[in-house]
Amino acid sequence: MKRRTTKRVELFETTVCLALVARFAANIRRLREEKGWSQEECAHQSLELDPAMLRTIEAGQANITITTIARICQGLGVDVLVL
Protein backbone atom coordinates (compact mmCIF):
# COMPACT_ATOMS: atom_id res chain seq x y z
CA MET A 1 0.00 0.00 0.00
CA LYS A 2 1.19 3.51 -0.79
CA ARG A 3 2.43 5.55 2.17
CA ARG A 4 0.46 8.71 2.79
CA THR A 5 2.22 12.05 2.93
CA THR A 6 2.34 13.75 6.32
CA LYS A 7 -0.27 16.31 5.22
CA ARG A 8 -2.65 13.55 4.06
CA VAL A 9 -2.15 11.66 7.33
CA GLU A 10 -3.07 14.81 9.24
CA LEU A 11 -6.23 15.22 7.14
CA PHE A 12 -7.18 11.56 7.57
CA GLU A 13 -6.81 11.86 11.33
CA THR A 14 -9.24 14.75 11.79
CA THR A 15 -12.21 14.16 14.06
CA VAL A 16 -14.68 14.50 11.19
CA CYS A 17 -12.82 12.08 8.94
CA LEU A 18 -12.32 9.48 11.67
CA ALA A 19 -16.00 9.67 12.62
CA LEU A 20 -17.06 9.21 9.00
CA VAL A 21 -14.74 6.24 8.51
CA ALA A 22 -16.02 4.66 11.73
CA ARG A 23 -19.64 5.15 10.66
CA PHE A 24 -19.00 3.57 7.25
CA ALA A 25 -17.19 0.66 8.89
CA ALA A 26 -19.98 -0.01 11.38
CA ASN A 27 -22.73 0.23 8.76
CA ILE A 28 -20.94 -2.04 6.30
CA ARG A 29 -20.37 -4.62 9.06
CA ARG A 30 -24.00 -4.37 10.21
CA LEU A 31 -25.41 -4.77 6.70
CA ARG A 32 -23.06 -7.67 5.93
CA GLU A 33 -24.00 -9.46 9.16
CA GLU A 34 -27.73 -8.90 8.49
CA LYS A 35 -27.25 -10.84 5.24
CA GLY A 36 -25.38 -13.57 7.10
CA TRP A 37 -22.32 -13.08 4.89
CA SER A 38 -18.70 -13.60 5.77
CA GLN A 39 -16.30 -10.84 4.83
CA GLU A 40 -15.13 -13.01 1.94
CA GLU A 41 -18.68 -13.42 0.59
CA CYS A 42 -19.38 -9.71 0.92
CA ALA A 43 -16.12 -8.85 -0.86
CA HIS A 44 -17.01 -11.26 -3.67
CA GLN A 45 -20.50 -9.76 -4.02
CA SER A 46 -18.93 -6.29 -4.10
CA LEU A 47 -17.57 -6.79 -7.62
CA GLU A 48 -14.81 -9.03 -6.30
CA LEU A 49 -13.32 -6.52 -3.88
CA ASP A 50 -10.22 -7.91 -2.18
CA PRO A 51 -11.31 -9.49 1.14
CA ALA A 52 -8.26 -7.94 2.84
CA MET A 53 -9.49 -4.52 1.72
CA LEU A 54 -12.94 -5.20 3.17
CA ARG A 55 -11.35 -6.26 6.48
CA THR A 56 -9.36 -3.01 6.51
CA ILE A 57 -12.51 -0.99 5.75
CA GLU A 58 -14.52 -2.70 8.50
CA ALA A 59 -11.66 -2.08 10.93
CA GLY A 60 -11.95 1.64 10.17
CA GLN A 61 -8.41 1.80 8.84
CA ALA A 62 -9.02 2.63 5.17
CA ASN A 63 -9.47 5.90 3.34
CA ILE A 64 -11.70 4.46 0.61
CA THR A 65 -12.51 5.90 -2.80
CA ILE A 66 -15.91 6.63 -4.30
CA THR A 67 -15.37 3.65 -6.60
CA THR A 68 -14.92 1.31 -3.62
CA ILE A 69 -17.98 2.79 -1.92
CA ALA A 70 -20.00 2.19 -5.10
CA ARG A 71 -18.79 -1.42 -5.30
CA ILE A 72 -19.81 -2.07 -1.69
CA CYS A 73 -23.21 -0.42 -2.21
CA GLN A 74 -23.82 -2.60 -5.26
CA GLY A 75 -22.69 -5.72 -3.43
CA LEU A 76 -24.91 -5.03 -0.43
CA GLY A 77 -27.77 -3.79 -2.61
CA VAL A 78 -28.10 -0.47 -0.78
CA ASP A 79 -28.01 3.22 -1.62
CA VAL A 80 -24.96 5.16 -0.48
CA LEU A 81 -27.16 7.07 1.98
CA VAL A 82 -27.60 3.83 3.94
CA LEU A 83 -23.86 3.65 4.49
C-alpha atoms as a PDB file:
ATOM      1  CA  MET A   1       0.000   0.000   0.000  1.00  0.00           C
ATOM      2  CA  LYS A   2       1.187   3.509  -0.795  1.00  0.00           C
ATOM      3  CA  ARG A   3       2.428   5.548   2.170  1.00  0.00           C
ATOM      4  CA  ARG A   4       0.458   8.714   2.792  1.00  0.00           C
ATOM      5  CA  THR A   5       2.222  12.050   2.930  1.00  0.00           C
ATOM      6  CA  THR A   6       2.342  13.754   6.321  1.00  0.00           C
ATOM      7  CA  LYS A   7      -0.272  16.309   5.216  1.00  0.00           C
ATOM      8  CA  ARG A   8      -2.652  13.552   4.056  1.00  0.00           C
ATOM      9  CA  VAL A   9      -2.148  11.662   7.328  1.00  0.00           C
ATOM     10  CA  GLU A  10      -3.067  14.809   9.242  1.00  0.00           C
ATOM     11  CA  LEU A  11      -6.234  15.219   7.140  1.00  0.00           C
ATOM     12  CA  PHE A  12      -7.185  11.562   7.567  1.00  0.00           C
ATOM     13  CA  GLU A  13      -6.808  11.856  11.334  1.00  0.00           C
ATOM     14  CA  THR A  14      -9.243  14.754  11.794  1.00  0.00           C
ATOM     15  CA  THR A  15     -12.215  14.165  14.059  1.00  0.00           C
ATOM     16  CA  VAL A  16     -14.684  14.501  11.186  1.00  0.00           C
ATOM     17  CA  CYS A  17     -12.821  12.080   8.942  1.00  0.00           C
ATOM     18  CA  LEU A  18     -12.324   9.475  11.670  1.00  0.00           C
ATOM     19  CA  ALA A  19     -16.002   9.666  12.625  1.00  0.00           C
ATOM     20  CA  LEU A  20     -17.058   9.208   9.002  1.00  0.00           C
ATOM     21  CA  VAL A  21     -14.737   6.239   8.509  1.00  0.00           C
ATOM     22  CA  ALA A  22     -16.020   4.658  11.729  1.00  0.00           C
ATOM     23  CA  ARG A  23     -19.644   5.151  10.663  1.00  0.00           C
ATOM     24  CA  PHE A  24     -19.000   3.575   7.247  1.00  0.00           C
ATOM     25  CA  ALA A  25     -17.194   0.660   8.885  1.00  0.00           C
ATOM     26  CA  ALA A  26     -19.984  -0.011  11.379  1.00  0.00           C
ATOM     27  CA  ASN A  27     -22.727   0.233   8.759  1.00  0.00           C
ATOM     28  CA  ILE A  28     -20.935  -2.044   6.301  1.00  0.00           C
ATOM     29  CA  ARG A  29     -20.371  -4.622   9.055  1.00  0.00           C
ATOM     30  CA  ARG A  30     -24.000  -4.369  10.212  1.00  0.00           C
ATOM     31  CA  LEU A  31     -25.414  -4.774   6.698  1.00  0.00           C
ATOM     32  CA  ARG A  32     -23.063  -7.669   5.933  1.00  0.00           C
ATOM     33  CA  GLU A  33     -24.001  -9.457   9.156  1.00  0.00           C
ATOM     34  CA  GLU A  34     -27.728  -8.904   8.487  1.00  0.00           C
ATOM     35  CA  LYS A  35     -27.246 -10.836   5.242  1.00  0.00           C
ATOM     36  CA  GLY A  36     -25.382 -13.567   7.103  1.00  0.00           C
ATOM     37  CA  TRP A  37     -22.322 -13.080   4.886  1.00  0.00           C
ATOM     38  CA  SER A  38     -18.702 -13.602   5.770  1.00  0.00           C
ATOM     39  CA  GLN A  39     -16.299 -10.839   4.827  1.00  0.00           C
ATOM     40  CA  GLU A  40     -15.128 -13.010   1.944  1.00  0.00           C
ATOM     41  CA  GLU A  41     -18.683 -13.419   0.587  1.00  0.00           C
ATOM     42  CA  CYS A  42     -19.381  -9.708   0.924  1.00  0.00           C
ATOM     43  CA  ALA A  43     -16.124  -8.853  -0.862  1.00  0.00           C
ATOM     44  CA  HIS A  44     -17.008 -11.258  -3.675  1.00  0.00           C
ATOM     45  CA  GLN A  45     -20.505  -9.763  -4.021  1.00  0.00           C
ATOM     46  CA  SER A  46     -18.933  -6.291  -4.100  1.00  0.00           C
ATOM     47  CA  LEU A  47     -17.572  -6.786  -7.621  1.00  0.00           C
ATOM     48  CA  GLU A  48     -14.812  -9.031  -6.297  1.00  0.00           C
ATOM     49  CA  LEU A  49     -13.320  -6.523  -3.879  1.00  0.00           C
ATOM     50  CA  ASP A  50     -10.218  -7.909  -2.185  1.00  0.00           C
ATOM     51  CA  PRO A  51     -11.306  -9.491   1.142  1.00  0.00           C
ATOM     52  CA  ALA A  52      -8.264  -7.944   2.836  1.00  0.00           C
ATOM     53  CA  MET A  53      -9.494  -4.516   1.723  1.00  0.00           C
ATOM     54  CA  LEU A  54     -12.943  -5.195   3.174  1.00  0.00           C
ATOM     55  CA  ARG A  55     -11.351  -6.256   6.482  1.00  0.00           C
ATOM     56  CA  THR A  56      -9.360  -3.006   6.511  1.00  0.00           C
ATOM     57  CA  ILE A  57     -12.510  -0.986   5.748  1.00  0.00           C
ATOM     58  CA  GLU A  58     -14.518  -2.699   8.500  1.00  0.00           C
ATOM     59  CA  ALA A  59     -11.658  -2.079  10.931  1.00  0.00           C
ATOM     60  CA  GLY A  60     -11.954   1.644  10.171  1.00  0.00           C
ATOM     61  CA  GLN A  61      -8.408   1.801   8.840  1.00  0.00           C
ATOM     62  CA  ALA A  62      -9.018   2.631   5.169  1.00  0.00           C
ATOM     63  CA  ASN A  63      -9.468   5.895   3.342  1.00  0.00           C
ATOM     64  CA  ILE A  64     -11.695   4.465   0.607  1.00  0.00           C
ATOM     65  CA  THR A  65     -12.512   5.900  -2.801  1.00  0.00           C
ATOM     66  CA  ILE A  66     -15.912   6.630  -4.296  1.00  0.00           C
ATOM     67  CA  THR A  67     -15.373   3.645  -6.603  1.00  0.00           C
ATOM     68  CA  THR A  68     -14.919   1.315  -3.622  1.00  0.00           C
ATOM     69  CA  ILE A  69     -17.978   2.787  -1.921  1.00  0.00           C
ATOM     70  CA  ALA A  70     -19.998   2.195  -5.100  1.00  0.00           C
ATOM     71  CA  ARG A  71     -18.791  -1.421  -5.303  1.00  0.00           C
ATOM     72  CA  ILE A  72     -19.810  -2.069  -1.689  1.00  0.00           C
ATOM     73  CA  CYS A  73     -23.205  -0.423  -2.215  1.00  0.00           C
ATOM     74  CA  GLN A  74     -23.818  -2.602  -5.262  1.00  0.00           C
ATOM     75  CA  GLY A  75     -22.694  -5.724  -3.431  1.00  0.00           C
ATOM     76  CA  LEU A  76     -24.913  -5.030  -0.428  1.00  0.00           C
ATOM     77  CA  GLY A  77     -27.774  -3.792  -2.608  1.00  0.00           C
ATOM     78  CA  VAL A  78     -28.103  -0.474  -0.777  1.00  0.00           C
ATOM     79  CA  ASP A  79     -28.012   3.218  -1.622  1.00  0.00           C
ATOM     80  CA  VAL A  80     -24.963   5.157  -0.483  1.00  0.00           C
ATOM     81  CA  LEU A  81     -27.158   7.065   1.979  1.00  0.00           C
ATOM     82  CA  VAL A  82     -27.596   3.827   3.936  1.00  0.00           C
ATOM     83  CA  LEU A  83     -23.861   3.647   4.492  1.00  0.00           C
END
